[in-house]
């Protein structure tokens, strides 16, 4: 069962890591491995959400999502999108961007370095908004209660996450402007680039979030209509065509899942820029990670159970927050890509370990309750 579900992922992993080694040696091998783990970690909760929705859909719609959806997610968002970002920010034709990355890596690195402030500001704001909206939400399960409980109370203030994100962006832009003036004003326009790109990242997040919310509402409406129609049919003793209603609801589910997939893919791509600017390594790492997310979704659907490690979602979002801060810092200062990648991996590992401890504690409590009841 495990090999059947994850077989293609294992094969792609071996091919991708070998290709990375031949492309750039052990350092490239390490970067691709870290990117793969990062992509799986950041998209883990997405796989759980996908599984929860997919199990309600017919086999036909499941197949559509796991085929067409994977093509869009793996090849569209993980492989093409990073090239498009570099091409836009460096004012290049996408084909020229790919050609430069292979044939003139020095020139390509120079262009990407020049474009990095725009990429970092855009991505940093997008990821920061995801993190802020998560920690300001009041939730039943809390990982770091001493931090999450007071932040959840603060989250009741409307638009707080947007205000904080804009304050962080202003501080980043002012820091860049101050640094430019102190060093002769050679890059004064860099502050304007940071400000505009950061606002674009914020707007993109709000649009993606709005679309996700819209499709989620439509999905709930369709499910409510289907339930009402079934109840009326039972009362009247008539049969109703549940196929049309299910098909329409499934279509909205599919659209909703595609928006979710795109947004989570976007997280991974933006996070990858905090680790490396090389398109080849980015494509290999994110491609491997995306295959595991797909396999994990299938596994959860077929098993019929969702994951018990409740703190992993928290760990993934804290990793997103760390990447957001790192991206904004790298506008002005250089941070080693291995360190950047390990920060996210450590946070995910910590949340997994905390989840295991929680599960063991709950099992121990249940065991004690059974013993007490027996006595």
Protein backbone atom coordinates (compact mmCIF):
# COMPACT_ATOMS: atom_id res chain seq x y z
CA UNK A 1 0.00 0.00 0.00
CA UNK A 2 2.75 2.42 1.05
CA UNK A 3 5.00 1.59 -1.91
CA UNK A 4 2.09 1.74 -4.34
CA UNK A 5 1.07 5.20 -3.11
CA UNK A 6 4.56 6.71 -2.71
CA UNK A 7 6.39 4.74 -5.42
CA UNK A 8 6.47 7.56 -7.98
CA UNK A 9 7.55 10.02 -5.27
CA UNK A 10 10.48 7.80 -4.26
CA UNK A 11 11.54 7.45 -7.90
CA UNK A 12 11.34 11.22 -8.56
CA UNK A 13 13.35 11.84 -5.36
CA UNK A 14 16.23 9.62 -6.50
CA UNK A 15 16.24 11.15 -10.01
CA UNK A 16 16.03 14.71 -8.65
CA UNK A 17 18.83 14.31 -6.08
CA UNK A 18 21.14 12.59 -8.57
CA UNK A 19 20.48 15.38 -11.10
CA UNK A 20 21.22 17.99 -8.40
CA UNK A 21 24.52 16.31 -7.53
CA UNK A 22 25.67 16.27 -11.16
CA UNK A 23 24.49 19.87 -11.59
CA UNK A 24 26.24 21.43 -8.59
CA UNK A 25 27.85 18.83 -6.35
CA UNK A 26 27.05 18.14 -2.71
CA UNK A 27 25.97 21.71 -2.00
CA UNK A 28 23.29 21.54 -4.72
CA UNK A 29 22.32 18.09 -3.39
CA UNK A 30 21.80 19.59 0.09
CA UNK A 31 19.82 22.58 -1.19
CA UNK A 32 17.45 20.35 -3.20
CA UNK A 33 16.99 18.02 -0.20
CA UNK A 34 16.16 20.98 2.07
CA UNK A 35 13.76 22.45 -0.51
CA UNK A 36 11.99 19.09 -0.79
CA UNK A 37 11.51 18.83 2.99
CA UNK A 38 10.44 22.48 3.15
CA UNK A 39 7.84 22.02 0.40
CA UNK A 40 6.40 18.91 2.08
CA UNK A 41 6.33 20.68 5.45
CA UNK A 42 4.68 23.87 4.18
CA UNK A 43 2.11 21.91 2.16
CA UNK A 44 1.40 19.21 4.74
CA UNK A 45 -1.70 20.92 6.07
CA UNK A 46 -2.78 21.48 2.47
CA UNK A 47 -2.68 17.71 1.88
CA UNK A 48 -4.81 17.16 4.98
CA UNK A 49 -7.35 19.76 3.79
CA UNK A 50 -7.35 18.22 0.30
CA UNK A 51 -7.95 14.76 1.74
CA UNK A 52 -10.83 16.00 3.88
CA UNK A 53 -12.58 17.48 0.84
CA UNK A 54 -11.60 14.79 -1.69
CA UNK A 55 -13.17 11.99 0.35
CA UNK A 56 -16.57 13.69 -0.16
CA UNK A 57 -16.14 13.69 -3.95
CA UNK A 58 -16.93 10.96 -6.47
CA UNK A 59 -14.16 8.78 -7.91
CA UNK A 60 -14.39 10.75 -11.17
CA UNK A 61 -13.72 14.12 -9.53
CA UNK A 62 -10.99 12.63 -7.36
CA UNK A 63 -9.25 11.41 -10.51
CA UNK A 64 -9.67 14.84 -12.16
CA UNK A 65 -8.07 16.59 -9.18
CA UNK A 66 -5.23 14.09 -8.81
CA UNK A 67 -4.35 14.27 -12.54
CA UNK A 68 -5.16 17.72 -13.91
CA UNK A 69 -4.64 19.22 -10.45
CA UNK A 70 -1.16 17.69 -10.18
CA UNK A 71 -0.19 18.97 -13.65
CA UNK A 72 -1.19 22.50 -12.60
CA UNK A 73 0.44 22.24 -9.16
CA UNK A 74 3.71 20.51 -10.09
CA UNK A 75 4.47 21.80 -13.58
CA UNK A 76 2.54 25.07 -13.50
CA UNK A 77 3.19 26.49 -10.04
CA UNK A 78 6.44 24.74 -8.99
CA UNK A 79 8.34 24.64 -12.28
CA UNK A 80 7.01 27.47 -14.47
CA UNK A 81 6.10 30.02 -11.82
CA UNK A 82 9.65 30.52 -10.41
CA UNK A 83 10.87 31.21 -13.97
CA UNK A 84 8.05 33.72 -14.49
CA UNK A 85 8.91 35.53 -11.24
CA UNK A 86 12.58 35.86 -12.22
CA UNK A 87 11.64 36.88 -15.78
CA UNK A 88 9.28 39.64 -14.58
CA UNK A 89 11.54 41.05 -11.87
CA UNK A 90 14.65 40.93 -14.10
CA UNK A 91 12.73 42.20 -17.18
CA UNK A 92 13.61 39.08 -19.17
CA UNK A 93 11.85 36.80 -21.61
CA UNK A 94 11.10 33.49 -19.74
CA UNK A 95 13.04 31.51 -22.37
CA UNK A 96 15.99 33.91 -21.99
CA UNK A 97 15.82 33.47 -18.21
CA UNK A 98 16.10 29.68 -18.55
CA UNK A 99 18.85 30.03 -21.17
CA UNK A 100 20.86 32.38 -18.96
CA UNK A 101 20.53 30.11 -15.90
CA UNK A 102 22.19 27.29 -17.89
CA UNK A 103 24.61 29.06 -20.23
CA UNK A 104 25.60 32.25 -18.41
CA UNK A 105 25.12 31.60 -14.68
CA UNK A 106 27.21 34.63 -13.67
CA UNK A 107 25.02 37.05 -15.64
CA UNK A 108 21.89 35.25 -14.44
CA UNK A 109 23.04 35.51 -10.82
CA UNK A 110 23.71 39.23 -11.30
CA UNK A 111 20.19 39.82 -12.67
CA UNK A 112 18.57 37.80 -9.91
CA UNK A 113 20.63 39.63 -7.27
CA UNK A 114 19.42 42.95 -8.67
CA UNK A 115 15.83 41.64 -8.65
CA UNK A 116 16.12 40.11 -5.17
CA UNK A 117 14.83 43.15 -3.19
CA UNK A 118 11.58 43.07 -5.20
CA UNK A 119 11.21 39.28 -4.85
CA UNK A 120 12.05 39.35 -1.13
CA UNK A 121 9.66 42.22 -0.34
CA UNK A 122 6.81 40.66 -2.34
CA UNK A 123 7.32 37.17 -0.90
CA UNK A 124 8.10 38.37 2.61
CA UNK A 125 4.81 40.26 2.84
CA UNK A 126 2.79 37.38 1.36
CA UNK A 127 4.25 34.86 3.82
CA UNK A 128 4.04 37.28 6.74
CA UNK A 129 0.29 37.72 6.15
CA UNK A 130 -0.24 33.94 6.18
CA UNK A 131 1.66 33.68 9.47
CA UNK A 132 -0.08 36.64 11.12
CA UNK A 133 -3.57 35.48 10.14
CA UNK A 134 -2.76 32.07 11.61
CA UNK A 135 -1.39 33.21 14.98
CA UNK A 136 -4.14 35.82 15.49
CA UNK A 137 -6.88 33.21 15.00
CA UNK A 138 -8.48 31.71 18.10
CA UNK A 139 -8.22 27.91 17.78
CA UNK A 140 -9.07 24.97 20.03
CA UNK A 141 -5.66 23.32 19.73
CA UNK A 142 -2.71 25.52 20.73
CA UNK A 143 0.93 24.52 20.51
CA UNK A 144 2.84 27.33 22.30
CA UNK A 145 0.00 28.40 24.60
CA UNK A 146 2.00 31.10 26.39
CA UNK A 147 2.33 32.88 23.01
CA UNK A 148 -0.75 31.82 21.06
CA UNK A 149 -3.35 32.51 23.75
CA UNK A 150 -2.62 36.28 24.17
CA UNK A 151 -2.13 36.68 20.40
CA UNK A 152 -5.55 35.09 19.77
CA UNK A 153 -7.10 37.74 22.06
CA UNK A 154 -5.31 40.50 20.14
CA UNK A 155 -6.58 38.95 16.91
CA UNK A 156 -10.11 40.12 17.73
CA UNK A 157 -9.03 43.59 16.57
CA UNK A 158 -10.14 43.99 12.94
CA UNK A 159 -7.42 44.16 10.26
CA UNK A 160 -4.64 43.86 12.87
CA UNK A 161 -2.56 41.53 10.69
CA UNK A 162 -2.73 43.97 7.75
CA UNK A 163 -1.68 46.90 9.97
CA UNK A 164 1.28 44.99 11.44
CA UNK A 165 2.38 43.80 7.99
CA UNK A 166 2.31 47.38 6.64
CA UNK A 167 4.29 48.64 9.65
CA UNK A 168 6.93 45.92 9.03
CA UNK A 169 7.04 46.89 5.34
CA UNK A 170 7.51 50.59 6.17
CA UNK A 171 10.34 49.76 8.59
CA UNK A 172 12.00 47.59 5.92
CA UNK A 173 11.73 50.32 3.26
CA UNK A 174 12.98 53.03 5.65
CA UNK A 175 15.94 50.84 6.67
CA UNK A 176 16.87 50.37 3.01
CA UNK A 177 16.53 54.13 2.35
CA UNK A 178 18.64 55.03 5.40
CA UNK A 179 21.35 52.55 4.39
CA UNK A 180 21.37 53.94 0.83
CA UNK A 181 21.78 57.55 2.06
CA UNK A 182 24.58 56.57 4.44
CA UNK A 183 26.47 54.91 1.57
CA UNK A 184 26.21 57.69 -0.95
CA UNK A 185 22.63 57.17 -2.19
CA UNK A 186 23.61 54.75 -4.93
CA UNK A 187 20.43 52.73 -4.53
CA UNK A 188 17.89 55.23 -3.21
CA UNK A 189 15.24 53.85 -5.61
CA UNK A 190 15.65 50.43 -3.92
CA UNK A 191 13.44 51.63 -1.04
CA UNK A 192 10.66 52.51 -3.49
CA UNK A 193 10.99 49.07 -5.12
CA UNK A 194 10.72 47.38 -1.72
CA UNK A 195 7.64 49.42 -0.81
CA UNK A 196 5.80 48.81 -4.10
CA UNK A 197 6.69 45.10 -4.23
CA UNK A 198 5.65 44.61 -0.61
CA UNK A 199 2.26 46.24 -1.26
CA UNK A 200 1.85 44.01 -4.34
CA UNK A 201 2.53 40.96 -2.13
CA UNK A 202 -0.09 42.11 0.38
CA UNK A 203 -2.68 42.69 -2.38
CA UNK A 204 -1.93 39.25 -3.90
CA UNK A 205 -2.51 37.59 -0.52
CA UNK A 206 -5.82 39.40 -0.05
CA UNK A 207 -6.98 38.40 -3.56
CA UNK A 208 -6.02 34.73 -3.10
CA UNK A 209 -7.62 34.69 0.35
CA UNK A 210 -10.76 36.31 -1.05
CA UNK A 211 -11.05 33.73 -3.83
CA UNK A 212 -10.54 30.86 -1.37
CA UNK A 213 -13.24 32.31 0.88
CA UNK A 214 -15.60 32.78 -2.07
CA UNK A 215 -15.28 29.17 -3.25
CA UNK A 216 -15.55 27.90 0.32
CA UNK A 217 -18.83 29.79 0.77
CA UNK A 218 -20.12 28.48 -2.57
CA UNK A 219 -19.20 24.96 -1.52
CA UNK A 220 -21.10 25.29 1.77
CA UNK A 221 -24.13 26.72 -0.06
CA UNK A 222 -24.20 23.79 -2.49
CA UNK A 223 -23.91 21.26 0.33
CA UNK A 224 -26.77 22.95 2.22
CA UNK A 225 -28.97 22.95 -0.90
CA UNK A 226 -28.24 19.28 -1.49
CA UNK A 227 -29.19 18.40 2.09
CA UNK A 228 -32.43 20.44 1.87
CA UNK A 229 -33.35 18.78 -1.43
CA UNK A 230 -32.76 15.31 0.02
CA UNK A 231 -34.90 16.13 3.09
CA UNK A 232 -37.76 17.42 0.89
CA UNK A 233 -37.53 14.32 -1.28
CA UNK A 234 -37.81 12.08 1.76
CA UNK A 235 -40.87 13.97 3.06
CA UNK A 236 -42.69 13.93 -0.29
CA UNK A 237 -41.64 10.39 -1.13
CA UNK A 238 -40.27 11.54 -4.50
CA UNK A 239 -36.87 10.81 -5.96
CA UNK A 240 -34.60 13.72 -6.78
CA UNK A 241 -31.68 13.81 -9.15
CA UNK A 242 -28.83 13.93 -6.64
CA UNK A 243 -26.31 13.51 -9.46
CA UNK A 244 -26.74 17.07 -10.76
CA UNK A 245 -26.53 18.56 -7.29
CA UNK A 246 -23.51 16.45 -6.39
CA UNK A 247 -21.86 17.33 -9.69
CA UNK A 248 -22.33 21.05 -9.13
CA UNK A 249 -21.07 20.82 -5.55
CA UNK A 250 -18.12 18.72 -6.74
CA UNK A 251 -17.30 21.34 -9.38
CA UNK A 252 -17.12 24.06 -6.70
CA UNK A 253 -15.02 21.70 -4.58
CA UNK A 254 -12.63 21.29 -7.51
CA UNK A 255 -12.34 25.08 -8.05
CA UNK A 256 -11.86 25.64 -4.33
CA UNK A 257 -9.12 22.99 -4.16
CA UNK A 258 -7.33 24.51 -7.16
CA UNK A 259 -7.28 27.95 -5.49
CA UNK A 260 -6.00 26.38 -2.27
CA UNK A 261 -3.36 24.43 -4.18
CA UNK A 262 -2.22 27.55 -6.01
CA UNK A 263 -1.92 29.54 -2.77
CA UNK A 264 0.03 26.80 -0.98
CA UNK A 265 2.23 26.30 -4.06
CA UNK A 266 2.89 30.03 -4.01
CA UNK A 267 4.08 29.75 -0.39
CA UNK A 268 6.58 27.07 -1.35
CA UNK A 269 7.90 29.01 -4.35
CA UNK A 270 8.31 32.24 -2.40
CA UNK A 271 9.88 30.38 0.52
CA UNK A 272 12.31 28.74 -1.91
CA UNK A 273 13.67 32.16 -2.92
CA UNK A 274 14.85 32.56 0.68
CA UNK A 275 17.02 29.47 0.19
CA UNK A 276 18.26 29.71 -3.41
CA UNK A 277 17.88 31.86 -6.53
CA UNK A 278 18.81 29.07 -8.95
CA UNK A 279 15.82 28.02 -11.06
CA UNK A 280 17.16 24.50 -11.68
CA UNK A 281 17.61 23.66 -7.97
CA UNK A 282 14.29 25.31 -7.13
CA UNK A 283 12.43 23.29 -9.77
CA UNK A 284 14.03 20.02 -8.61
CA UNK A 285 13.37 20.59 -4.90
CA UNK A 286 9.82 21.89 -5.26
CA UNK A 287 8.97 19.22 -7.83
CA UNK A 288 10.06 16.43 -5.47
CA UNK A 289 8.15 18.00 -2.59
CA UNK A 290 5.00 18.44 -4.68
CA UNK A 291 5.01 14.74 -5.61
CA UNK A 292 5.08 13.78 -1.94
CA UNK A 293 2.22 16.17 -1.16
CA UNK A 294 0.18 14.51 -3.93
CA UNK A 295 1.05 11.01 -2.63
CA UNK A 296 0.21 12.04 0.93
CA UNK A 297 -3.19 13.35 -0.21
CA UNK A 298 -3.95 10.03 -1.96
CA UNK A 299 -2.75 8.08 1.09
CA UNK A 300 -4.98 10.03 3.49
CA UNK A 301 -8.00 9.62 1.21
CA UNK A 302 -7.47 5.86 0.78
CA UNK A 303 -6.82 5.28 4.46
CA UNK A 304 -9.90 7.29 5.39
CA UNK A 305 -8.14 8.93 8.33
CA UNK A 306 -6.49 12.30 8.83
CA UNK A 307 -3.18 12.77 10.57
CA UNK A 308 -2.98 12.67 14.36
CA UNK A 309 0.01 15.01 14.62
CA UNK A 310 -2.01 18.11 15.46
CA UNK A 311 0.90 20.53 15.96
CA UNK A 312 2.38 20.04 12.47
CA UNK A 313 0.13 22.74 11.05
CA UNK A 314 1.44 25.10 13.73
CA UNK A 315 5.03 24.17 12.96
CA UNK A 316 4.47 24.76 9.24
CA UNK A 317 3.05 28.23 9.89
CA UNK A 318 5.87 29.18 12.26
CA UNK A 319 8.27 28.07 9.51
CA UNK A 320 6.38 30.37 7.12
CA UNK A 321 6.76 33.22 9.62
CA UNK A 322 10.49 32.54 9.95
CA UNK A 323 10.89 32.52 6.15
CA UNK A 324 8.99 35.81 5.92
CA UNK A 325 11.36 37.48 8.38
CA UNK A 326 14.41 35.99 6.66
CA UNK A 327 13.24 37.20 3.24
CA UNK A 328 12.77 40.75 4.53
CA UNK A 329 16.18 40.67 6.25
CA UNK A 330 17.88 39.44 3.05
CA UNK A 331 16.82 42.65 1.30
CA UNK A 332 19.72 44.29 3.10
CA UNK A 333 21.83 41.49 4.57
CA UNK A 334 23.00 38.10 3.27
CA UNK A 335 22.00 34.92 5.10
CA UNK A 336 23.43 31.48 4.30
CA UNK A 337 20.85 29.40 2.38
CA UNK A 338 21.56 26.24 4.40
CA UNK A 339 20.80 28.07 7.67
CA UNK A 340 17.62 29.47 6.13
CA UNK A 341 16.43 26.01 5.13
CA UNK A 342 17.30 24.40 8.45
CA UNK A 343 15.25 26.95 10.43
CA UNK A 344 12.06 25.67 8.81
CA UNK A 345 13.06 22.01 9.15
CA UNK A 346 13.85 22.46 12.88
CA UNK A 347 10.47 24.10 13.54
CA UNK A 348 8.64 21.29 11.72
CA UNK A 349 10.62 18.62 13.58
CA UNK A 350 9.92 20.36 16.91
CA UNK A 351 6.16 20.47 16.19
CA UNK A 352 6.20 16.78 15.17
CA UNK A 353 8.01 15.83 18.39
CA UNK A 354 5.49 17.88 20.42
CA UNK A 355 2.63 16.08 18.64
CA UNK A 356 4.11 12.66 19.48
CA UNK A 357 4.49 13.66 23.15
CA UNK A 358 0.88 14.90 23.21
CA UNK A 359 -0.41 11.63 21.73
CA UNK A 360 1.54 9.58 24.28
CA UNK A 361 0.21 11.72 27.14
CA UNK A 362 -3.37 11.26 25.92
CA UNK A 363 -2.86 7.49 25.64
CA UNK A 364 -1.47 7.40 29.19
CA UNK A 365 -4.47 9.35 30.48
CA UNK A 366 -6.88 6.97 28.76
CA UNK A 367 -5.02 4.00 30.22
CA UNK A 368 -5.21 5.45 33.76
CA UNK A 369 -8.94 6.18 33.30
CA UNK A 370 -9.59 2.57 32.26
CA UNK A 371 -7.63 1.24 35.28
CA UNK A 372 -9.54 3.56 37.65
CA UNK A 373 -12.86 2.52 36.12
CA UNK A 374 -11.91 -1.16 36.47
CA UNK A 375 -11.08 -0.71 40.15
